Amino acid sequence: MRDRLAQIEHLKLDLTPDFAKRTIRGTTTLTFKPIAKPLAKLELEAVGLTIDGVTTQGATLKEYQVTEDKLVLAFEPPLAVGSEAVVIIAYRAQLELL
């Protein structure tokens, strides 16, 4: 089990499905606050997603990396405990047949 590094304050999803192509486009706006210690890196699950872009408010995003199953955000300087930050992630996905 991983340590909880941030408190999610608000999550907004804006999704647009294309039923004919079986795809979805979306934007997720995640508002959060680091807890316990300054936050230099945040890992988010991103299985099956193609990340089109990441922007931030209240934080300086040094870089982001997309792995097979995660989106890893690196902040420079690290976010202070209790400070609020917003990450906006644009993505798309191909829906699988069941």
PDB file of N, CA and C in Angstrom:
ATOM      1  N   MET A   1       0.827  -1.175   0.000  1.00  0.00           N
ATOM      2  CA  MET A   1       0.000   0.000   0.000  1.00  0.00           C
ATOM      3  C   MET A   1       0.879   1.249   0.000  1.00  0.00           C
ATOM      4  N   ARG A   2       0.540   2.196  -0.886  1.00  0.00           N
ATOM      5  CA  ARG A   2       1.307   3.433  -0.960  1.00  0.00           C
ATOM      6  C   ARG A   2       0.798   4.445   0.063  1.00  0.00           C
ATOM      7  N   ASP A   3       1.704   5.323   0.507  1.00  0.00           N
ATOM      8  CA  ASP A   3       1.306   6.412   1.389  1.00  0.00           C
ATOM      9  C   ASP A   3       0.445   7.399   0.620  1.00  0.00           C
ATOM     10  N   ARG A   4      -0.503   7.979   1.301  1.00  0.00           N
ATOM     11  CA  ARG A   4      -1.337   9.021   0.697  1.00  0.00           C
ATOM     12  C   ARG A   4      -0.581  10.339   0.794  1.00  0.00           C
ATOM     13  N   LEU A   5      -0.257  10.931  -0.350  1.00  0.00           N
ATOM     14  CA  LEU A   5       0.575  12.125  -0.389  1.00  0.00           C
ATOM     15  C   LEU A   5      -0.218  13.414  -0.527  1.00  0.00           C
ATOM     16  N   ALA A   6      -1.480  13.305  -0.989  1.00  0.00           N
ATOM     17  CA  ALA A   6      -2.275  14.508  -1.225  1.00  0.00           C
ATOM     18  C   ALA A   6      -3.734  14.251  -0.879  1.00  0.00           C
ATOM     19  N   GLN A   7      -4.409  15.319  -0.502  1.00  0.00           N
ATOM     20  CA  GLN A   7      -5.835  15.295  -0.230  1.00  0.00           C
ATOM     21  C   GLN A   7      -6.542  15.873  -1.457  1.00  0.00           C
ATOM     22  N   ILE A   8      -7.436  15.094  -2.072  1.00  0.00           N
ATOM     23  CA  ILE A   8      -8.204  15.566  -3.209  1.00  0.00           C
ATOM     24  C   ILE A   8      -9.325  16.462  -2.680  1.00  0.00           C
ATOM     25  N   GLU A   9      -9.356  17.703  -3.131  1.00  0.00           N
ATOM     26  CA  GLU A   9     -10.367  18.657  -2.705  1.00  0.00           C
ATOM     27  C   GLU A   9     -11.547  18.686  -3.671  1.00  0.00           C
ATOM     28  N   HIS A  10     -11.261  18.540  -4.973  1.00  0.00           N
ATOM     29  CA  HIS A  10     -12.322  18.598  -5.977  1.00  0.00           C
ATOM     30  C   HIS A  10     -11.849  17.889  -7.246  1.00  0.00           C
ATOM     31  N   LEU A  11     -12.778  17.203  -7.893  1.00  0.00           N
ATOM     32  CA  LEU A  11     -12.485  16.502  -9.146  1.00  0.00           C
ATOM     33  C   LEU A  11     -13.593  16.837 -10.131  1.00  0.00           C
ATOM     34  N   LYS A  12     -13.214  17.397 -11.272  1.00  0.00           N
ATOM     35  CA  LYS A  12     -14.183  17.747 -12.312  1.00  0.00           C
ATOM     36  C   LYS A  12     -13.821  16.955 -13.570  1.00  0.00           C
ATOM     37  N   LEU A  13     -14.805  16.255 -14.119  1.00  0.00           N
ATOM     38  CA  LEU A  13     -14.623  15.488 -15.342  1.00  0.00           C
ATOM     39  C   LEU A  13     -15.464  16.097 -16.450  1.00  0.00           C
ATOM     40  N   ASP A  14     -14.856  16.302 -17.605  1.00  0.00           N
ATOM     41  CA  ASP A  14     -15.559  16.785 -18.788  1.00  0.00           C
ATOM     42  C   ASP A  14     -15.278  15.764 -19.889  1.00  0.00           C
ATOM     43  N   LEU A  15     -16.261  14.918 -20.201  1.00  0.00           N
ATOM     44  CA  LEU A  15     -16.066  13.806 -21.127  1.00  0.00           C
ATOM     45  C   LEU A  15     -16.941  13.962 -22.361  1.00  0.00           C
ATOM     46  N   THR A  16     -16.365  13.591 -23.524  1.00  0.00           N
ATOM     47  CA  THR A  16     -17.098  13.601 -24.782  1.00  0.00           C
ATOM     48  C   THR A  16     -16.918  12.249 -25.455  1.00  0.00           C
ATOM     49  N   PRO A  17     -17.955  11.422 -25.456  1.00  0.00           N
ATOM     50  CA  PRO A  17     -17.845  10.124 -26.121  1.00  0.00           C
ATOM     51  C   PRO A  17     -18.152  10.251 -27.619  1.00  0.00           C
ATOM     52  N   ASP A  18     -17.510   9.410 -28.402  1.00  0.00           N
ATOM     53  CA  ASP A  18     -17.847   9.247 -29.823  1.00  0.00           C
ATOM     54  C   ASP A  18     -18.253   7.787 -29.957  1.00  0.00           C
ATOM     55  N   PHE A  19     -19.553   7.534 -29.928  1.00  0.00           N
ATOM     56  CA  PHE A  19     -20.050   6.164 -29.907  1.00  0.00           C
ATOM     57  C   PHE A  19     -19.730   5.414 -31.192  1.00  0.00           C
ATOM     58  N   ALA A  20     -19.739   6.102 -32.324  1.00  0.00           N
ATOM     59  CA  ALA A  20     -19.458   5.450 -33.604  1.00  0.00           C
ATOM     60  C   ALA A  20     -18.015   4.941 -33.664  1.00  0.00           C
ATOM     61  N   LYS A  21     -17.088   5.741 -33.150  1.00  0.00           N
ATOM     62  CA  LYS A  21     -15.664   5.361 -33.177  1.00  0.00           C
ATOM     63  C   LYS A  21     -15.233   4.619 -31.916  1.00  0.00           C
ATOM     64  N   ARG A  22     -16.136   4.536 -30.924  1.00  0.00           N
ATOM     65  CA  ARG A  22     -15.840   3.899 -29.643  1.00  0.00           C
ATOM     66  C   ARG A  22     -14.631   4.548 -28.960  1.00  0.00           C
ATOM     67  N   THR A  23     -14.629   5.896 -28.982  1.00  0.00           N
ATOM     68  CA  THR A  23     -13.557   6.648 -28.333  1.00  0.00           C
ATOM     69  C   THR A  23     -14.171   7.633 -27.350  1.00  0.00           C
ATOM     70  N   ILE A  24     -13.315   8.150 -26.510  1.00  0.00           N
ATOM     71  CA  ILE A  24     -13.723   9.179 -25.560  1.00  0.00           C
ATOM     72  C   ILE A  24     -12.593  10.191 -25.452  1.00  0.00           C
ATOM     73  N   ARG A  25     -12.965  11.458 -25.367  1.00  0.00           N
ATOM     74  CA  ARG A  25     -12.021  12.548 -25.108  1.00  0.00           C
ATOM     75  C   ARG A  25     -12.445  13.153 -23.784  1.00  0.00           C
ATOM     76  N   GLY A  26     -11.456  13.575 -23.022  1.00  0.00           N
ATOM     77  CA  GLY A  26     -11.815  14.132 -21.735  1.00  0.00           C
ATOM     78  C   GLY A  26     -10.808  15.121 -21.202  1.00  0.00           C
ATOM     79  N   THR A  27     -11.281  15.895 -20.251  1.00  0.00           N
ATOM     80  CA  THR A  27     -10.433  16.783 -19.474  1.00  0.00           C
ATOM     81  C   THR A  27     -10.799  16.565 -18.010  1.00  0.00           C
ATOM     82  N   THR A  28      -9.794  16.316 -17.209  1.00  0.00           N
ATOM     83  CA  THR A  28      -9.980  16.175 -15.769  1.00  0.00           C
ATOM     84  C   THR A  28      -9.289  17.334 -15.083  1.00  0.00           C
ATOM     85  N   THR A  29     -10.015  18.002 -14.202  1.00  0.00           N
ATOM     86  CA  THR A  29      -9.455  19.077 -13.395  1.00  0.00           C
ATOM     87  C   THR A  29      -9.419  18.574 -11.956  1.00  0.00           C
ATOM     88  N   LEU A  30      -8.219  18.447 -11.433  1.00  0.00           N
ATOM     89  CA  LEU A  30      -7.991  17.874 -10.107  1.00  0.00           C
ATOM     90  C   LEU A  30      -7.445  18.962  -9.186  1.00  0.00           C
ATOM     91  N   THR A  31      -8.192  19.284  -8.134  1.00  0.00           N
ATOM     92  CA  THR A  31      -7.746  20.252  -7.134  1.00  0.00           C
ATOM     93  C   THR A  31      -7.319  19.464  -5.895  1.00  0.00           C
ATOM     94  N   PHE A  32      -6.111  19.725  -5.405  1.00  0.00           N
ATOM     95  CA  PHE A  32      -5.575  18.936  -4.296  1.00  0.00           C
ATOM     96  C   PHE A  32      -4.644  19.756  -3.426  1.00  0.00           C
ATOM     97  N   LYS A  33      -4.342  19.201  -2.243  1.00  0.00           N
ATOM     98  CA  LYS A  33      -3.397  19.800  -1.306  1.00  0.00           C
ATOM     99  C   LYS A  33      -2.449  18.714  -0.816  1.00  0.00           C
ATOM    100  N   PRO A  34      -1.147  18.966  -0.824  1.00  0.00           N
ATOM    101  CA  PRO A  34      -0.211  18.017  -0.230  1.00  0.00           C
ATOM    102  C   PRO A  34      -0.467  17.885   1.270  1.00  0.00           C
ATOM    103  N   ILE A  35      -0.267  16.678   1.790  1.00  0.00           N
ATOM    104  CA  ILE A  35      -0.402  16.455   3.230  1.00  0.00           C
ATOM    105  C   ILE A  35       0.893  15.843   3.766  1.00  0.00           C
ATOM    106  N   ALA A  36       1.202  16.131   4.991  1.00  0.00           N
ATOM    107  CA  ALA A  36       2.315  15.536   5.741  1.00  0.00           C
ATOM    108  C   ALA A  36       3.696  16.045   5.344  1.00  0.00           C
ATOM    109  N   LYS A  37       3.991  16.174   4.039  1.00  0.00           N
ATOM    110  CA  LYS A  37       5.310  16.666   3.620  1.00  0.00           C
ATOM    111  C   LYS A  37       5.183  17.322   2.246  1.00  0.00           C
ATOM    112  N   PRO A  38       6.153  18.175   1.877  1.00  0.00           N
ATOM    113  CA  PRO A  38       6.116  18.811   0.566  1.00  0.00           C
ATOM    114  C   PRO A  38       6.041  17.755  -0.542  1.00  0.00           C
ATOM    115  N   LEU A  39       5.340  18.105  -1.603  1.00  0.00           N
ATOM    116  CA  LEU A  39       5.075  17.154  -2.682  1.00  0.00           C
ATOM    117  C   LEU A  39       5.884  17.511  -3.928  1.00  0.00           C
ATOM    118  N   ALA A  40       6.858  16.673  -4.252  1.00  0.00           N
ATOM    119  CA  ALA A  40       7.684  16.879  -5.447  1.00  0.00           C
ATOM    120  C   ALA A  40       7.166  16.072  -6.625  1.00  0.00           C
ATOM    121  N   LYS A  41       6.464  14.959  -6.336  1.00  0.00           N
ATOM    122  CA  LYS A  41       6.003  14.076  -7.409  1.00  0.00           C
ATOM    123  C   LYS A  41       4.645  13.500  -7.036  1.00  0.00           C
ATOM    124  N   LEU A  42       3.748  13.465  -8.036  1.00  0.00           N
ATOM    125  CA  LEU A  42       2.425  12.883  -7.850  1.00  0.00           C
ATOM    126  C   LEU A  42       2.184  11.889  -8.973  1.00  0.00           C
ATOM    127  N   GLU A  43       1.831  10.665  -8.604  1.00  0.00           N
ATOM    128  CA  GLU A  43       1.543   9.614  -9.588  1.00  0.00           C
ATOM    129  C   GLU A  43       0.043   9.379  -9.636  1.00  0.00           C
ATOM    130  N   LEU A  44      -0.507   9.405 -10.855  1.00  0.00           N
ATOM    131  CA  LEU A  44      -1.933   9.168 -11.068  1.00  0.00           C
ATOM    132  C   LEU A  44      -2.110   7.974 -11.991  1.00  0.00           C
ATOM    133  N   GLU A  45      -3.109   7.164 -11.725  1.00  0.00           N
ATOM    134  CA  GLU A  45      -3.412   6.025 -12.592  1.00  0.00           C
ATOM    135  C   GLU A  45      -3.872   6.547 -13.950  1.00  0.00           C
ATOM    136  N   ALA A  46      -3.369   5.939 -15.027  1.00  0.00           N
ATOM    137  CA  ALA A  46      -3.725   6.385 -16.380  1.00  0.00           C
ATOM    138  C   ALA A  46      -3.756   5.198 -17.337  1.00  0.00           C
ATOM    139  N   VAL A  47      -4.295   4.094 -16.890  1.00  0.00           N
ATOM    140  CA  VAL A  47      -4.355   2.878 -17.697  1.00  0.00           C
ATOM    141  C   VAL A  47      -5.232   3.114 -18.923  1.00  0.00           C
ATOM    142  N   GLY A  48      -4.688   2.846 -20.094  1.00  0.00           N
ATOM    143  CA  GLY A  48      -5.446   2.945 -21.331  1.00  0.00           C
ATOM    144  C   GLY A  48      -5.679   4.352 -21.840  1.00  0.00           C
ATOM    145  N   LEU A  49      -5.038   5.348 -21.242  1.00  0.00           N
ATOM    146  CA  LEU A  49      -5.230   6.727 -21.658  1.00  0.00           C
ATOM    147  C   LEU A  49      -4.060   7.230 -22.495  1.00  0.00           C
ATOM    148  N   THR A  50      -4.362   8.044 -23.483  1.00  0.00           N
ATOM    149  CA  THR A  50      -3.351   8.797 -24.210  1.00  0.00           C
ATOM    150  C   THR A  50      -3.437  10.220 -23.681  1.00  0.00           C
ATOM    151  N   ILE A  51      -2.357  10.701 -23.076  1.00  0.00           N
ATOM    152  CA  ILE A  51      -2.341  12.028 -22.475  1.00  0.00           C
ATOM    153  C   ILE A  51      -1.969  13.037 -23.565  1.00  0.00           C
ATOM    154  N   ASP A  52      -2.856  14.024 -23.761  1.00  0.00           N
ATOM    155  CA  ASP A  52      -2.624  15.050 -24.780  1.00  0.00           C
ATOM    156  C   ASP A  52      -1.970  16.301 -24.213  1.00  0.00           C
ATOM    157  N   GLY A  53      -2.063  16.512 -22.909  1.00  0.00           N
ATOM    158  CA  GLY A  53      -1.435  17.684 -22.311  1.00  0.00           C
ATOM    159  C   GLY A  53      -1.785  17.819 -20.847  1.00  0.00           C
ATOM    160  N   VAL A  54      -0.914  18.520 -20.119  1.00  0.00           N
ATOM    161  CA  VAL A  54      -1.113  18.767 -18.689  1.00  0.00           C
ATOM    162  C   VAL A  54      -0.751  20.220 -18.412  1.00  0.00           C
ATOM    163  N   THR A  55      -1.629  20.926 -17.707  1.00  0.00           N
ATOM    164  CA  THR A  55      -1.335  22.277 -17.250  1.00  0.00           C
ATOM    165  C   THR A  55      -1.627  22.347 -15.757  1.00  0.00           C
ATOM    166  N   THR A  56      -1.084  23.382 -15.116  1.00  0.00           N
ATOM    167  CA  THR A  56      -1.278  23.533 -13.676  1.00  0.00           C
ATOM    168  C   THR A  56      -1.642  24.966 -13.317  1.00  0.00           C
ATOM    169  N   GLN A  57      -2.229  25.100 -12.150  1.00  0.00           N
ATOM    170  CA  GLN A  57      -2.485  26.401 -11.530  1.00  0.00           C
ATOM    171  C   GLN A  57      -2.073  26.269 -10.068  1.00  0.00           C
ATOM    172  N   GLY A  58      -1.332  27.231  -9.570  1.00  0.00           N
ATOM    173  CA  GLY A  58      -0.892  27.186  -8.178  1.00  0.00           C
ATOM    174  C   GLY A  58       0.300  26.273  -7.953  1.00  0.00           C
ATOM    175  N   ALA A  59       0.920  25.823  -9.035  1.00  0.00           N
ATOM    176  CA  ALA A  59       2.084  24.937  -8.954  1.00  0.00           C
ATOM    177  C   ALA A  59       2.902  25.108 -10.221  1.00  0.00           C
ATOM    178  N   THR A  60       4.188  24.820 -10.117  1.00  0.00           N
ATOM    179  CA  THR A  60       5.048  24.848 -11.288  1.00  0.00           C
ATOM    180  C   THR A  60       5.361  23.415 -11.675  1.00  0.00           C
ATOM    181  N   LEU A  61       4.858  23.014 -12.827  1.00  0.00           N
ATOM    182  CA  LEU A  61       5.083  21.657 -13.324  1.00  0.00           C
ATOM    183  C   LEU A  61       6.429  21.619 -14.033  1.00  0.00           C
ATOM    184  N   LYS A  62       7.369  20.891 -13.453  1.00  0.00           N
ATOM    185  CA  LYS A  62       8.701  20.760 -14.052  1.00  0.00           C
ATOM    186  C   LYS A  62       8.614  19.887 -15.298  1.00  0.00           C
ATOM    187  N   GLU A  63       7.904  18.762 -15.172  1.00  0.00           N
ATOM    188  CA  GLU A  63       7.720  17.846 -16.294  1.00  0.00           C
ATOM    189  C   GLU A  63       6.643  16.838 -15.942  1.00  0.00           C
ATOM    190  N   TYR A  64       6.172  16.159 -16.968  1.00  0.00           N
ATOM    191  CA  TYR A  64       5.294  15.018 -16.726  1.00  0.00           C
ATOM    192  C   TYR A  64       5.737  13.880 -17.623  1.00  0.00           C
ATOM    193  N   GLN A  65       5.533  12.673 -17.127  1.00  0.00           N
ATOM    194  CA  GLN A  65       5.889  11.469 -17.871  1.00  0.00           C
ATOM    195  C   GLN A  65       4.686  10.546 -17.899  1.00  0.00           C
ATOM    196  N   VAL A  66       4.529   9.876 -19.011  1.00  0.00           N
ATOM    197  CA  VAL A  66       3.462   8.899 -19.162  1.00  0.00           C
ATOM    198  C   VAL A  66       4.110   7.533 -19.273  1.00  0.00           C
ATOM    199  N   THR A  67       3.731   6.626 -18.374  1.00  0.00           N
ATOM    200  CA  THR A  67       4.213   5.260 -18.448  1.00  0.00           C
ATOM    201  C   THR A  67       3.066   4.392 -18.976  1.00  0.00           C
ATOM    202  N   GLU A  68       3.243   3.116 -18.966  1.00  0.00           N
ATOM    203  CA  GLU A  68       2.216   2.198 -19.446  1.00  0.00           C
ATOM    204  C   GLU A  68       0.903   2.340 -18.680  1.00  0.00           C
ATOM    205  N   ASP A  69       0.992   2.660 -17.389  1.00  0.00           N
ATOM    206  CA  ASP A  69      -0.230   2.714 -16.575  1.00  0.00           C
ATOM    207  C   ASP A  69      -0.341   3.922 -15.650  1.00  0.00           C
ATOM    208  N   LYS A  70       0.593   4.883 -15.745  1.00  0.00           N
ATOM    209  CA  LYS A  70       0.579   6.030 -14.839  1.00  0.00           C
ATOM    210  C   LYS A  70       0.911   7.330 -15.566  1.00  0.00           C
ATOM    211  N   LEU A  71       0.449   8.411 -14.954  1.00  0.00           N
ATOM    212  CA  LEU A  71       0.870   9.756 -15.313  1.00  0.00           C
ATOM    213  C   LEU A  71       1.637  10.266 -14.100  1.00  0.00           C
ATOM    214  N   VAL A  72       2.907  10.608 -14.293  1.00  0.00           N
ATOM    215  CA  VAL A  72       3.764  11.049 -13.195  1.00  0.00           C
ATOM    216  C   VAL A  72       4.053  12.534 -13.376  1.00  0.00           C
ATOM    217  N   LEU A  73       3.644  13.324 -12.385  1.00  0.00           N
ATOM    218  CA  LEU A  73       3.829  14.771 -12.417  1.00  0.00           C
ATOM    219  C   LEU A  73       4.962  15.140 -11.469  1.00  0.00           C
ATOM    220  N   ALA A  74       5.913  15.955 -11.943  1.00  0.00           N
ATOM    221  CA  ALA A  74       7.022  16.420 -11.103  1.00  0.00           C
ATOM    222  C   ALA A  74       6.898  17.930 -10.935  1.00  0.00           C
ATOM    223  N   PHE A  75       6.917  18.389  -9.682  1.00  0.00           N
ATOM    224  CA  PHE A  75       6.768  19.800  -9.363  1.00  0.00           C
ATOM    225  C   PHE A  75       8.095  20.390  -8.900  1.00  0.00           C
ATOM    226  N   GLU A  76       8.403  21.592  -9.366  1.00  0.00           N
ATOM    227  CA  GLU A  76       9.638  22.275  -8.974  1.00  0.00           C
ATOM    228  C   GLU A  76       9.322  23.743  -8.783  1.00  0.00           C
ATOM    229  N   PRO A  77       9.389  24.257  -7.583  1.00  0.00           N
ATOM    230  CA  PRO A  77       9.741  23.577  -6.340  1.00  0.00           C
ATOM    231  C   PRO A  77       8.601  22.677  -5.865  1.00  0.00           C
ATOM    232  N   PRO A  78       8.906  21.775  -4.931  1.00  0.00           N
ATOM    233  CA  PRO A  78       7.847  20.930  -4.366  1.00  0.00           C
ATOM    234  C   PRO A  78       6.728  21.783  -3.773  1.00  0.00           C
ATOM    235  N   LEU A  79       5.510  21.272  -3.836  1.00  0.00           N
ATOM    236  CA  LEU A  79       4.354  21.984  -3.303  1.00  0.00           C
ATOM    237  C   LEU A  79       4.368  21.910  -1.779  1.00  0.00           C
ATOM    238  N   ALA A  80       4.159  23.036  -1.145  1.00  0.00           N
ATOM    239  CA  ALA A  80       4.171  23.099   0.319  1.00  0.00           C
ATOM    240  C   ALA A  80       2.933  22.405   0.893  1.00  0.00           C
ATOM    241  N   VAL A  81       3.097  21.827   2.061  1.00  0.00           N
ATOM    242  CA  VAL A  81       1.985  21.185   2.766  1.00  0.00           C
ATOM    243  C   VAL A  81       0.862  22.201   2.958  1.00  0.00           C
ATOM    244  N   GLY A  82      -0.353  21.806   2.609  1.00  0.00           N
ATOM    245  CA  GLY A  82      -1.517  22.662   2.785  1.00  0.00           C
ATOM    246  C   GLY A  82      -1.784  23.635   1.657  1.00  0.00           C
ATOM    247  N   SER A  83      -0.826  23.807   0.742  1.00  0.00           N
ATOM    248  CA  SER A  83      -1.056  24.716  -0.386  1.00  0.00           C
ATOM    249  C   SER A  83      -1.954  24.019  -1.412  1.00  0.00           C
ATOM    250  N   GLU A  84      -2.834  24.774  -2.029  1.00  0.00           N
ATOM    251  CA  GLU A  84      -3.763  24.188  -2.998  1.00  0.00           C
ATOM    252  C   GLU A  84      -3.205  24.334  -4.402  1.00  0.00           C
ATOM    253  N   ALA A  85      -3.326  23.264  -5.184  1.00  0.00           N
ATOM    254  CA  ALA A  85      -2.882  23.271  -6.569  1.00  0.00           C
ATOM    255  C   ALA A  85      -3.955  22.628  -7.441  1.00  0.00           C
ATOM    256  N   VAL A  86      -3.937  22.992  -8.709  1.00  0.00           N
ATOM    257  CA  VAL A  86      -4.883  22.448  -9.682  1.00  0.00           C
ATOM    258  C   VAL A  86      -4.087  21.884 -10.846  1.00  0.00           C
ATOM    259  N   VAL A  87      -4.433  20.678 -11.250  1.00  0.00           N
ATOM    260  CA  VAL A  87      -3.839  20.039 -12.425  1.00  0.00           C
ATOM    261  C   VAL A  87      -4.962  19.773 -13.417  1.00  0.00           C
ATOM    262  N   ILE A  88      -4.752  20.172 -14.670  1.00  0.00           N
ATOM    263  CA  ILE A  88      -5.738  19.966 -15.723  1.00  0.00           C
ATOM    264  C   ILE A  88      -5.127  19.021 -16.754  1.00  0.00           C
ATOM    265  N   ILE A  89      -5.772  17.870 -16.937  1.00  0.00           N
ATOM    266  CA  ILE A  89      -5.234  16.810 -17.793  1.00  0.00           C
ATOM    267  C   ILE A  89      -6.191  16.586 -18.958  1.00  0.00           C
ATOM    268  N   ALA A  90      -5.674  16.721 -20.175  1.00  0.00           N
ATOM    269  CA  ALA A  90      -6.451  16.424 -21.386  1.00  0.00           C
ATOM    270  C   ALA A  90      -6.023  15.049 -21.879  1.00  0.00           C
ATOM    271  N   TYR A  91      -6.991  14.216 -22.229  1.00  0.00           N
ATOM    272  CA  TYR A  91      -6.669  12.844 -22.610  1.00  0.00           C
ATOM    273  C   TYR A  91      -7.723  12.286 -23.564  1.00  0.00           C
ATOM    274  N   ARG A  92      -7.417  11.114 -24.098  1.00  0.00           N
ATOM    275  CA  ARG A  92      -8.360  10.381 -24.941  1.00  0.00           C
ATOM    276  C   ARG A  92      -8.120   8.894 -24.738  1.00  0.00           C
ATOM    277  N   ALA A  93      -9.116   8.099 -25.118  1.00  0.00           N
ATOM    278  CA  ALA A  93      -8.993   6.654 -24.955  1.00  0.00           C
ATOM    279  C   ALA A  93      -9.854   5.953 -25.987  1.00  0.00           C
ATOM    280  N   GLN A  94      -9.422   4.782 -26.359  1.00  0.00           N
ATOM    281  CA  GLN A  94     -10.188   3.887 -27.219  1.00  0.00           C
ATOM    282  C   GLN A  94     -10.919   2.908 -26.300  1.00  0.00           C
ATOM    283  N   LEU A  95     -12.236   2.841 -26.437  1.00  0.00           N
ATOM    284  CA  LEU A  95     -13.017   1.938 -25.594  1.00  0.00           C
ATOM    285  C   LEU A  95     -12.915   0.526 -26.134  1.00  0.00           C
ATOM    286  N   GLU A  96     -12.757  -0.399 -25.238  1.00  0.00           N
ATOM    287  CA  GLU A  96     -12.609  -1.805 -25.615  1.00  0.00           C
ATOM    288  C   GLU A  96     -13.968  -2.483 -25.676  1.00  0.00           C
ATOM    289  N   LEU A  97     -14.087  -3.438 -26.550  1.00  0.00           N
ATOM    290  CA  LEU A  97     -15.304  -4.242 -26.621  1.00  0.00           C
ATOM    291  C   LEU A  97     -15.335  -5.213 -25.464  1.00  0.00           C
ATOM    292  N   LEU A  98     -16.498  -5.403 -24.895  1.00  0.00           N
ATOM    293  CA  LEU A  98     -16.637  -6.343 -23.767  1.00  0.00           C
ATOM    294  C   LEU A  98     -16.967  -7.717 -24.260  1.00  0.00           C
TER     295      LEU A  98
END
